Amino acid sequence: REIEAGLGDGTVQRSNAELNNVEWATKSLVPARHIKAGETLSASDLLAKRPGNGIAPSQIDAVVGRKARTDLPEDRIFTWEQLT
């Protein structure tokens, strides 16, 4: 019975210790160069950097092809609201 209890219920959850590090350990998309409002973003315009409190790198396909609604400074996290 101890082994069964040790195997858990099959769901994966982050521990409290992991939750404290999620933002630091994950990454966000940032512009590789200054992007002016109205410019269309390409994959070569984007990098993945820490911290992870912006758009996740896994969303790059949804970002590429969109236009910048505002200027996007190089190396700064941006949000969906800044894209059209």
C-alpha atoms as a PDB file:
ATOM      1  CA  ARG A   1       0.000   0.000   0.000  1.00  0.00           C
ATOM      2  CA  GLU A   2       2.925   2.353   0.652  1.00  0.00           C
ATOM      3  CA  ILE A   3       4.152   1.872  -2.914  1.00  0.00           C
ATOM      4  CA  GLU A   4       0.681   2.607  -4.306  1.00  0.00           C
ATOM      5  CA  ALA A   5       0.513   5.800  -2.230  1.00  0.00           C
ATOM      6  CA  GLY A   6       3.994   6.789  -3.413  1.00  0.00           C
ATOM      7  CA  LEU A   7       2.970   6.461  -7.049  1.00  0.00           C
ATOM      8  CA  GLY A   8       0.326   9.151  -6.587  1.00  0.00           C
ATOM      9  CA  ASP A   9      -2.832   9.605  -8.612  1.00  0.00           C
ATOM     10  CA  GLY A  10      -1.166  10.267 -11.973  1.00  0.00           C
ATOM     11  CA  THR A  11      -1.623  14.039 -12.033  1.00  0.00           C
ATOM     12  CA  VAL A  12       1.427  16.268 -12.234  1.00  0.00           C
ATOM     13  CA  GLN A  13       1.352  19.373 -10.087  1.00  0.00           C
ATOM     14  CA  ARG A  14       4.009  21.898  -9.234  1.00  0.00           C
ATOM     15  CA  SER A  15       5.149  21.953  -5.642  1.00  0.00           C
ATOM     16  CA  ASN A  16       5.182  25.170  -3.614  1.00  0.00           C
ATOM     17  CA  ALA A  17       8.960  25.344  -4.049  1.00  0.00           C
ATOM     18  CA  GLU A  18       8.560  25.125  -7.838  1.00  0.00           C
ATOM     19  CA  LEU A  19       5.833  27.778  -7.933  1.00  0.00           C
ATOM     20  CA  ASN A  20       8.250  30.284  -6.415  1.00  0.00           C
ATOM     21  CA  ASN A  21      10.623  29.785  -9.363  1.00  0.00           C
ATOM     22  CA  VAL A  22       8.225  29.496 -12.308  1.00  0.00           C
ATOM     23  CA  GLU A  23       8.552  33.119 -13.450  1.00  0.00           C
ATOM     24  CA  TRP A  24      12.329  33.060 -13.173  1.00  0.00           C
ATOM     25  CA  ALA A  25      12.782  29.637 -14.750  1.00  0.00           C
ATOM     26  CA  THR A  26      10.499  30.127 -17.765  1.00  0.00           C
ATOM     27  CA  LYS A  27      10.988  32.456 -20.710  1.00  0.00           C
ATOM     28  CA  SER A  28       9.052  35.088 -22.674  1.00  0.00           C
ATOM     29  CA  LEU A  29       9.293  36.357 -26.225  1.00  0.00           C
ATOM     30  CA  VAL A  30      11.170  39.651 -26.628  1.00  0.00           C
ATOM     31  CA  PRO A  31      12.082  41.647 -29.740  1.00  0.00           C
ATOM     32  CA  ALA A  32      15.601  40.997 -31.036  1.00  0.00           C
ATOM     33  CA  ARG A  33      15.630  44.577 -32.369  1.00  0.00           C
ATOM     34  CA  HIS A  34      13.575  47.749 -32.002  1.00  0.00           C
ATOM     35  CA  ILE A  35      10.293  47.208 -33.848  1.00  0.00           C
ATOM     36  CA  LYS A  36       8.314  50.247 -34.934  1.00  0.00           C
ATOM     37  CA  ALA A  37       4.532  50.461 -34.733  1.00  0.00           C
ATOM     38  CA  GLY A  38       2.967  48.967 -37.871  1.00  0.00           C
ATOM     39  CA  GLU A  39       5.843  46.574 -38.630  1.00  0.00           C
ATOM     40  CA  THR A  40       5.030  42.901 -39.156  1.00  0.00           C
ATOM     41  CA  LEU A  41       6.860  40.529 -36.831  1.00  0.00           C
ATOM     42  CA  SER A  42       8.880  37.628 -38.182  1.00  0.00           C
ATOM     43  CA  ALA A  43      10.527  34.755 -36.334  1.00  0.00           C
ATOM     44  CA  SER A  44      13.941  36.364 -36.803  1.00  0.00           C
ATOM     45  CA  ASP A  45      12.659  39.440 -34.905  1.00  0.00           C
ATOM     46  CA  LEU A  46      12.022  37.424 -31.728  1.00  0.00           C
ATOM     47  CA  LEU A  47      14.112  35.863 -28.973  1.00  0.00           C
ATOM     48  CA  ALA A  48      13.159  33.852 -25.872  1.00  0.00           C
ATOM     49  CA  LYS A  49      14.534  35.298 -22.629  1.00  0.00           C
ATOM     50  CA  ARG A  50      13.811  35.277 -18.920  1.00  0.00           C
ATOM     51  CA  PRO A  51      11.664  36.083 -16.985  1.00  0.00           C
ATOM     52  CA  GLY A  52       8.555  34.199 -18.034  1.00  0.00           C
ATOM     53  CA  ASN A  53       5.874  36.778 -17.329  1.00  0.00           C
ATOM     54  CA  GLY A  54       5.154  37.666 -20.963  1.00  0.00           C
ATOM     55  CA  ILE A  55       4.102  35.745 -24.079  1.00  0.00           C
ATOM     56  CA  ALA A  56       5.435  32.178 -23.945  1.00  0.00           C
ATOM     57  CA  PRO A  57       7.852  31.034 -26.673  1.00  0.00           C
ATOM     58  CA  SER A  58       5.407  28.214 -27.454  1.00  0.00           C
ATOM     59  CA  GLN A  59       3.092  30.935 -28.835  1.00  0.00           C
ATOM     60  CA  ILE A  60       5.596  32.124 -31.476  1.00  0.00           C
ATOM     61  CA  ASP A  61       3.419  30.854 -34.351  1.00  0.00           C
ATOM     62  CA  ALA A  62       0.564  33.048 -33.109  1.00  0.00           C
ATOM     63  CA  VAL A  63       2.871  36.091 -32.879  1.00  0.00           C
ATOM     64  CA  VAL A  64       4.678  35.787 -36.236  1.00  0.00           C
ATOM     65  CA  GLY A  65       2.779  37.673 -38.924  1.00  0.00           C
ATOM     66  CA  ARG A  66       1.091  40.099 -36.521  1.00  0.00           C
ATOM     67  CA  LYS A  67       1.804  43.806 -36.596  1.00  0.00           C
ATOM     68  CA  ALA A  68       3.081  45.873 -33.720  1.00  0.00           C
ATOM     69  CA  ARG A  69       0.391  48.263 -32.485  1.00  0.00           C
ATOM     70  CA  THR A  70       3.026  50.282 -30.586  1.00  0.00           C
ATOM     71  CA  ASP A  71       6.802  50.550 -30.745  1.00  0.00           C
ATOM     72  CA  LEU A  72       8.403  47.458 -29.195  1.00  0.00           C
ATOM     73  CA  PRO A  73      11.786  48.273 -27.662  1.00  0.00           C
ATOM     74  CA  GLU A  74      14.566  45.755 -28.139  1.00  0.00           C
ATOM     75  CA  ASP A  75      14.916  43.143 -25.395  1.00  0.00           C
ATOM     76  CA  ARG A  76      11.718  44.153 -23.520  1.00  0.00           C
ATOM     77  CA  ILE A  77       8.776  41.883 -22.787  1.00  0.00           C
ATOM     78  CA  PHE A  78       5.631  42.803 -24.731  1.00  0.00           C
ATOM     79  CA  THR A  79       1.970  41.811 -24.412  1.00  0.00           C
ATOM     80  CA  TRP A  80      -0.813  40.671 -26.720  1.00  0.00           C
ATOM     81  CA  GLU A  81      -2.371  44.132 -26.400  1.00  0.00           C
ATOM     82  CA  GLN A  82       0.651  45.596 -28.208  1.00  0.00           C
ATOM     83  CA  LEU A  83      -0.053  43.457 -31.295  1.00  0.00           C
ATOM     84  CA  THR A  84      -2.795  43.621 -33.897  1.00  0.00           C
END
